[in-house]
Amino acid sequence: QVQLVESGGGLVQAGGSLRLSCAASERSIRINVMNWYRQAPGKQREFVASLPAHGSIMYADSVKGRFTISGDNAQNMVWLQMNSLKPEDTAVYYCNAVTYTDDYWGQGTQVTVSS
């Protein structure tokens, strides 16, 4: 069973930055795409950014120009650099890895942006 471990969340003031990390426990599995999602209190989980092994990086409109996703395919790691954070970015951020046969989720890391 592959586990995804996120880190890097915390409390930051509006305008600040945070960098989230996600590492898969198994480096030998072939991951097709790694994603970041987030879920704010009382809201549904929403897509944030996507890093495919092949193809174009994608971002939600709400984070374009502020967030940057990057990764190391050989290490099965992905990062999310978040700049110019806004209070509406407050949420639990989840890492997601998709293979040909499975869909894995991390436990989530809390990001809180104060105004």
N, C-alpha and C. Protein backbone atom coordinates (compact mmCIF):
# COMPACT_ATOMS: atom_id res chain seq x y z
N GLN A 1 0.84 -1.17 0.00
CA GLN A 1 0.00 0.00 0.00
C GLN A 1 0.89 1.25 0.00
N VAL A 2 0.70 2.10 -0.97
CA VAL A 2 1.49 3.31 -1.08
C VAL A 2 0.92 4.36 -0.15
N GLN A 3 1.79 5.03 0.57
CA GLN A 3 1.37 6.14 1.41
C GLN A 3 1.96 7.45 0.88
N LEU A 4 1.16 8.49 0.98
CA LEU A 4 1.63 9.83 0.62
C LEU A 4 1.72 10.65 1.90
N VAL A 5 2.86 11.28 2.09
CA VAL A 5 3.07 12.06 3.30
C VAL A 5 3.30 13.51 2.91
N GLU A 6 2.40 14.37 3.39
CA GLU A 6 2.51 15.80 3.11
C GLU A 6 3.17 16.51 4.29
N SER A 7 3.79 17.63 4.01
CA SER A 7 4.36 18.47 5.06
C SER A 7 4.45 19.90 4.54
N GLY A 8 4.67 20.82 5.45
CA GLY A 8 4.89 22.21 5.05
C GLY A 8 3.76 23.16 5.33
N GLY A 9 2.64 22.67 5.81
CA GLY A 9 1.54 23.55 6.13
C GLY A 9 1.84 24.39 7.36
N GLY A 10 0.95 25.34 7.63
CA GLY A 10 1.13 26.17 8.81
C GLY A 10 0.28 27.42 8.74
N LEU A 11 0.61 28.36 9.62
CA LEU A 11 -0.10 29.62 9.72
C LEU A 11 0.78 30.72 9.12
N VAL A 12 0.19 31.51 8.25
CA VAL A 12 0.94 32.59 7.60
C VAL A 12 0.03 33.78 7.41
N GLN A 13 0.61 34.96 7.39
CA GLN A 13 -0.18 36.16 7.15
C GLN A 13 -0.46 36.32 5.67
N ALA A 14 -1.53 37.02 5.36
CA ALA A 14 -1.87 37.29 3.97
C ALA A 14 -0.69 37.96 3.28
N GLY A 15 -0.41 37.50 2.06
CA GLY A 15 0.73 38.00 1.31
C GLY A 15 1.97 37.16 1.49
N GLY A 16 1.94 36.26 2.43
CA GLY A 16 3.09 35.42 2.72
C GLY A 16 3.16 34.20 1.81
N SER A 17 4.13 33.34 2.11
CA SER A 17 4.39 32.17 1.28
C SER A 17 4.53 30.92 2.13
N LEU A 18 4.21 29.80 1.53
CA LEU A 18 4.44 28.49 2.13
C LEU A 18 4.82 27.52 1.00
N ARG A 19 5.55 26.49 1.36
CA ARG A 19 5.91 25.45 0.40
C ARG A 19 5.49 24.11 0.97
N LEU A 20 4.59 23.44 0.26
CA LEU A 20 4.14 22.12 0.66
C LEU A 20 4.94 21.05 -0.06
N SER A 21 5.15 19.95 0.64
CA SER A 21 5.86 18.81 0.07
C SER A 21 5.01 17.56 0.20
N CYS A 22 5.20 16.66 -0.73
CA CYS A 22 4.50 15.38 -0.69
C CYS A 22 5.45 14.32 -1.22
N ALA A 23 5.59 13.24 -0.46
CA ALA A 23 6.46 12.15 -0.87
C ALA A 23 5.71 10.83 -0.81
N ALA A 24 5.86 10.04 -1.86
CA ALA A 24 5.26 8.70 -1.87
C ALA A 24 6.20 7.72 -1.19
N SER A 25 5.62 6.78 -0.45
CA SER A 25 6.43 5.83 0.30
C SER A 25 7.14 4.83 -0.60
N GLU A 26 6.60 4.61 -1.79
CA GLU A 26 7.21 3.68 -2.73
C GLU A 26 7.74 4.45 -3.93
N ARG A 27 9.05 4.40 -4.12
CA ARG A 27 9.64 5.14 -5.23
C ARG A 27 9.61 4.34 -6.52
N SER A 28 9.29 3.03 -6.42
CA SER A 28 9.34 2.20 -7.60
C SER A 28 8.05 2.20 -8.40
N ILE A 29 6.97 2.70 -7.80
CA ILE A 29 5.71 2.67 -8.54
C ILE A 29 5.72 3.76 -9.61
N ARG A 30 4.95 3.49 -10.65
CA ARG A 30 4.90 4.45 -11.76
C ARG A 30 3.66 5.32 -11.58
N ILE A 31 3.90 6.56 -11.27
CA ILE A 31 2.80 7.50 -11.05
C ILE A 31 2.58 8.30 -12.33
N ASN A 32 1.34 8.32 -12.79
CA ASN A 32 1.01 9.04 -14.01
C ASN A 32 0.84 10.54 -13.79
N VAL A 33 0.26 10.87 -12.64
CA VAL A 33 0.05 12.29 -12.34
C VAL A 33 -0.02 12.48 -10.83
N MET A 34 0.55 13.57 -10.39
CA MET A 34 0.44 13.96 -8.98
C MET A 34 -0.29 15.30 -8.92
N ASN A 35 -1.24 15.35 -8.01
CA ASN A 35 -2.10 16.53 -7.90
C ASN A 35 -2.10 17.07 -6.49
N TRP A 36 -2.49 18.31 -6.38
CA TRP A 36 -2.82 18.93 -5.10
C TRP A 36 -4.30 19.34 -5.16
N TYR A 37 -5.00 19.00 -4.08
CA TYR A 37 -6.37 19.44 -3.88
C TYR A 37 -6.43 20.16 -2.54
N ARG A 38 -7.53 20.85 -2.29
CA ARG A 38 -7.73 21.48 -1.00
C ARG A 38 -9.20 21.44 -0.62
N GLN A 39 -9.44 21.49 0.67
CA GLN A 39 -10.81 21.50 1.17
C GLN A 39 -10.91 22.49 2.32
N ALA A 40 -11.70 23.52 2.09
CA ALA A 40 -11.96 24.52 3.12
C ALA A 40 -13.13 24.07 3.98
N PRO A 41 -13.23 24.57 5.20
CA PRO A 41 -14.33 24.18 6.08
C PRO A 41 -15.69 24.43 5.43
N GLY A 42 -16.54 23.42 5.45
CA GLY A 42 -17.88 23.55 4.91
C GLY A 42 -17.97 23.52 3.39
N LYS A 43 -16.84 23.26 2.73
CA LYS A 43 -16.83 23.26 1.27
C LYS A 43 -16.35 21.90 0.74
N GLN A 44 -16.62 21.67 -0.53
CA GLN A 44 -16.16 20.44 -1.16
C GLN A 44 -14.68 20.55 -1.50
N ARG A 45 -14.06 19.39 -1.60
CA ARG A 45 -12.66 19.35 -2.00
C ARG A 45 -12.54 19.86 -3.43
N GLU A 46 -11.55 20.70 -3.68
CA GLU A 46 -11.39 21.27 -5.01
C GLU A 46 -9.97 21.09 -5.52
N PHE A 47 -9.86 21.03 -6.83
CA PHE A 47 -8.58 20.87 -7.51
C PHE A 47 -7.76 22.15 -7.37
N VAL A 48 -6.45 21.97 -7.18
CA VAL A 48 -5.54 23.11 -7.09
C VAL A 48 -4.54 23.10 -8.25
N ALA A 49 -3.81 22.00 -8.40
CA ALA A 49 -2.77 21.94 -9.42
C ALA A 49 -2.46 20.50 -9.76
N SER A 50 -1.96 20.30 -10.98
CA SER A 50 -1.69 18.96 -11.48
C SER A 50 -0.34 18.91 -12.18
N LEU A 51 0.43 17.86 -11.86
CA LEU A 51 1.73 17.65 -12.49
C LEU A 51 1.76 16.26 -13.11
N PRO A 52 1.49 16.15 -14.42
CA PRO A 52 1.52 14.84 -15.05
C PRO A 52 2.94 14.41 -15.38
N ALA A 53 3.14 13.10 -15.47
CA ALA A 53 4.44 12.60 -15.89
C ALA A 53 4.73 13.02 -17.32
N HIS A 54 3.69 13.08 -18.11
CA HIS A 54 3.79 13.55 -19.49
C HIS A 54 2.60 14.45 -19.76
N GLY A 55 2.86 15.64 -20.24
CA GLY A 55 1.76 16.55 -20.49
C GLY A 55 1.96 17.87 -19.80
N SER A 56 0.92 18.65 -19.84
CA SER A 56 1.01 20.02 -19.36
C SER A 56 0.57 20.16 -17.90
N ILE A 57 1.27 21.01 -17.20
CA ILE A 57 0.87 21.35 -15.84
C ILE A 57 -0.42 22.16 -15.90
N MET A 58 -1.28 21.93 -14.94
CA MET A 58 -2.55 22.65 -14.88
C MET A 58 -2.74 23.25 -13.50
N TYR A 59 -3.44 24.39 -13.48
CA TYR A 59 -3.75 25.07 -12.24
C TYR A 59 -5.22 25.48 -12.22
N ALA A 60 -5.76 25.53 -11.03
CA ALA A 60 -7.07 26.14 -10.88
C ALA A 60 -6.94 27.64 -11.14
N ASP A 61 -7.98 28.23 -11.68
CA ASP A 61 -7.92 29.67 -12.00
C ASP A 61 -7.62 30.50 -10.75
N SER A 62 -8.10 30.04 -9.62
CA SER A 62 -7.96 30.81 -8.38
C SER A 62 -6.52 30.90 -7.89
N VAL A 63 -5.64 30.03 -8.38
CA VAL A 63 -4.26 30.04 -7.90
C VAL A 63 -3.24 30.37 -9.00
N LYS A 64 -3.69 30.50 -10.22
CA LYS A 64 -2.77 30.81 -11.32
C LYS A 64 -1.99 32.09 -11.04
N GLY A 65 -0.70 32.00 -11.30
CA GLY A 65 0.16 33.16 -11.09
C GLY A 65 0.66 33.29 -9.66
N ARG A 66 0.11 32.51 -8.74
CA ARG A 66 0.53 32.58 -7.34
C ARG A 66 1.15 31.27 -6.86
N PHE A 67 0.63 30.16 -7.35
CA PHE A 67 1.11 28.84 -6.92
C PHE A 67 1.92 28.21 -8.06
N THR A 68 2.93 27.44 -7.67
CA THR A 68 3.74 26.71 -8.64
C THR A 68 3.91 25.27 -8.18
N ILE A 69 3.54 24.33 -9.04
CA ILE A 69 3.73 22.91 -8.73
C ILE A 69 4.99 22.43 -9.43
N SER A 70 5.75 21.60 -8.72
CA SER A 70 6.95 21.01 -9.31
C SER A 70 7.14 19.63 -8.70
N GLY A 71 8.03 18.85 -9.31
CA GLY A 71 8.19 17.51 -8.79
C GLY A 71 9.43 16.81 -9.27
N ASP A 72 9.68 15.67 -8.68
CA ASP A 72 10.80 14.81 -9.04
C ASP A 72 10.20 13.43 -9.33
N ASN A 73 10.04 13.12 -10.61
CA ASN A 73 9.38 11.86 -10.97
C ASN A 73 10.16 10.64 -10.47
N ALA A 74 11.48 10.73 -10.47
CA ALA A 74 12.29 9.59 -10.04
C ALA A 74 12.10 9.30 -8.55
N GLN A 75 11.85 10.33 -7.79
CA GLN A 75 11.67 10.19 -6.35
C GLN A 75 10.21 10.13 -5.94
N ASN A 76 9.32 10.29 -6.91
CA ASN A 76 7.88 10.35 -6.61
C ASN A 76 7.57 11.39 -5.55
N MET A 77 8.07 12.59 -5.79
CA MET A 77 7.82 13.70 -4.88
C MET A 77 7.22 14.87 -5.67
N VAL A 78 6.42 15.65 -4.97
CA VAL A 78 5.82 16.82 -5.58
C VAL A 78 5.79 17.94 -4.54
N TRP A 79 5.97 19.16 -5.02
CA TRP A 79 5.95 20.33 -4.15
C TRP A 79 4.92 21.33 -4.67
N LEU A 80 4.45 22.16 -3.77
CA LEU A 80 3.56 23.24 -4.16
C LEU A 80 4.05 24.51 -3.48
N GLN A 81 4.62 25.40 -4.27
CA GLN A 81 5.06 26.70 -3.77
C GLN A 81 3.89 27.66 -3.85
N MET A 82 3.52 28.20 -2.71
CA MET A 82 2.36 29.08 -2.64
C MET A 82 2.82 30.48 -2.23
N ASN A 83 2.65 31.42 -3.12
CA ASN A 83 3.02 32.81 -2.86
C ASN A 83 1.78 33.70 -2.84
N SER A 84 1.95 34.89 -2.32
CA SER A 84 0.85 35.87 -2.27
C SER A 84 -0.42 35.22 -1.72
N LEU A 85 -0.27 34.55 -0.62
CA LEU A 85 -1.40 33.81 -0.04
C LEU A 85 -2.50 34.75 0.43
N LYS A 86 -3.71 34.27 0.28
CA LYS A 86 -4.91 35.02 0.66
C LYS A 86 -5.68 34.25 1.72
N PRO A 87 -6.49 34.93 2.52
CA PRO A 87 -7.29 34.21 3.51
C PRO A 87 -8.16 33.12 2.88
N GLU A 88 -8.62 33.33 1.68
CA GLU A 88 -9.45 32.32 1.01
C GLU A 88 -8.67 31.09 0.58
N ASP A 89 -7.35 31.11 0.74
CA ASP A 89 -6.54 29.91 0.49
C ASP A 89 -6.52 28.99 1.69
N THR A 90 -7.09 29.43 2.80
CA THR A 90 -7.14 28.60 4.00
C THR A 90 -7.90 27.32 3.74
N ALA A 91 -7.27 26.20 4.01
CA ALA A 91 -7.86 24.90 3.73
C ALA A 91 -6.91 23.80 4.19
N VAL A 92 -7.41 22.59 4.17
CA VAL A 92 -6.54 21.42 4.29
C VAL A 92 -6.12 21.03 2.87
N TYR A 93 -4.84 20.93 2.66
CA TYR A 93 -4.31 20.62 1.33
C TYR A 93 -3.92 19.14 1.27
N TYR A 94 -4.38 18.48 0.22
CA TYR A 94 -4.16 17.05 0.05
C TYR A 94 -3.34 16.76 -1.20
N CYS A 95 -2.41 15.84 -1.05
CA CYS A 95 -1.65 15.34 -2.17
C CYS A 95 -2.36 14.11 -2.72
N ASN A 96 -2.35 13.97 -4.03
CA ASN A 96 -3.02 12.85 -4.70
C ASN A 96 -2.10 12.30 -5.78
N ALA A 97 -1.97 10.99 -5.82
CA ALA A 97 -1.14 10.34 -6.84
C ALA A 97 -1.99 9.31 -7.57
N VAL A 98 -1.94 9.35 -8.88
CA VAL A 98 -2.75 8.46 -9.70
C VAL A 98 -1.84 7.57 -10.54
N THR A 99 -2.04 6.24 -10.43
CA THR A 99 -1.33 5.30 -11.27
C THR A 99 -2.32 4.70 -12.27
N TYR A 100 -1.88 3.72 -13.03
CA TYR A 100 -2.80 3.09 -13.98
C TYR A 100 -3.94 2.36 -13.27
N THR A 101 -3.69 1.93 -12.05
CA THR A 101 -4.69 1.09 -11.38
C THR A 101 -5.20 1.66 -10.06
N ASP A 102 -4.54 2.65 -9.51
CA ASP A 102 -4.92 3.10 -8.17
C ASP A 102 -4.88 4.63 -8.06
N ASP A 103 -5.50 5.06 -6.99
CA ASP A 103 -5.63 6.49 -6.70
C ASP A 103 -5.31 6.65 -5.22
N TYR A 104 -4.22 7.37 -4.90
CA TYR A 104 -3.77 7.48 -3.52
C TYR A 104 -3.92 8.91 -3.01
N TRP A 105 -4.21 9.00 -1.70
CA TRP A 105 -4.35 10.32 -1.07
C TRP A 105 -3.52 10.41 0.18
N GLY A 106 -3.00 11.58 0.44
CA GLY A 106 -2.32 11.84 1.69
C GLY A 106 -3.32 12.19 2.77
N GLN A 107 -2.79 12.40 3.96
CA GLN A 107 -3.65 12.69 5.10
C GLN A 107 -4.03 14.17 5.19
N GLY A 108 -3.36 14.99 4.43
CA GLY A 108 -3.67 16.41 4.41
C GLY A 108 -2.79 17.22 5.34
N THR A 109 -2.57 18.46 4.96
CA THR A 109 -1.81 19.39 5.80
C THR A 109 -2.56 20.72 5.84
N GLN A 110 -2.70 21.28 7.02
CA GLN A 110 -3.50 22.49 7.20
C GLN A 110 -2.71 23.72 6.81
N VAL A 111 -3.33 24.57 6.01
CA VAL A 111 -2.79 25.88 5.66
C VAL A 111 -3.79 26.92 6.13
N THR A 112 -3.33 27.83 6.97
CA THR A 112 -4.20 28.89 7.48
C THR A 112 -3.56 30.23 7.16
N VAL A 113 -4.33 31.08 6.49
CA VAL A 113 -3.84 32.40 6.10
C VAL A 113 -4.65 33.45 6.85
N SER A 114 -3.99 34.22 7.67
CA SER A 114 -4.68 35.24 8.46
C SER A 114 -4.68 36.57 7.72
N SER A 115 -5.73 37.33 7.95
CA SER A 115 -5.86 38.63 7.26
C SER A 115 -5.21 39.74 8.06
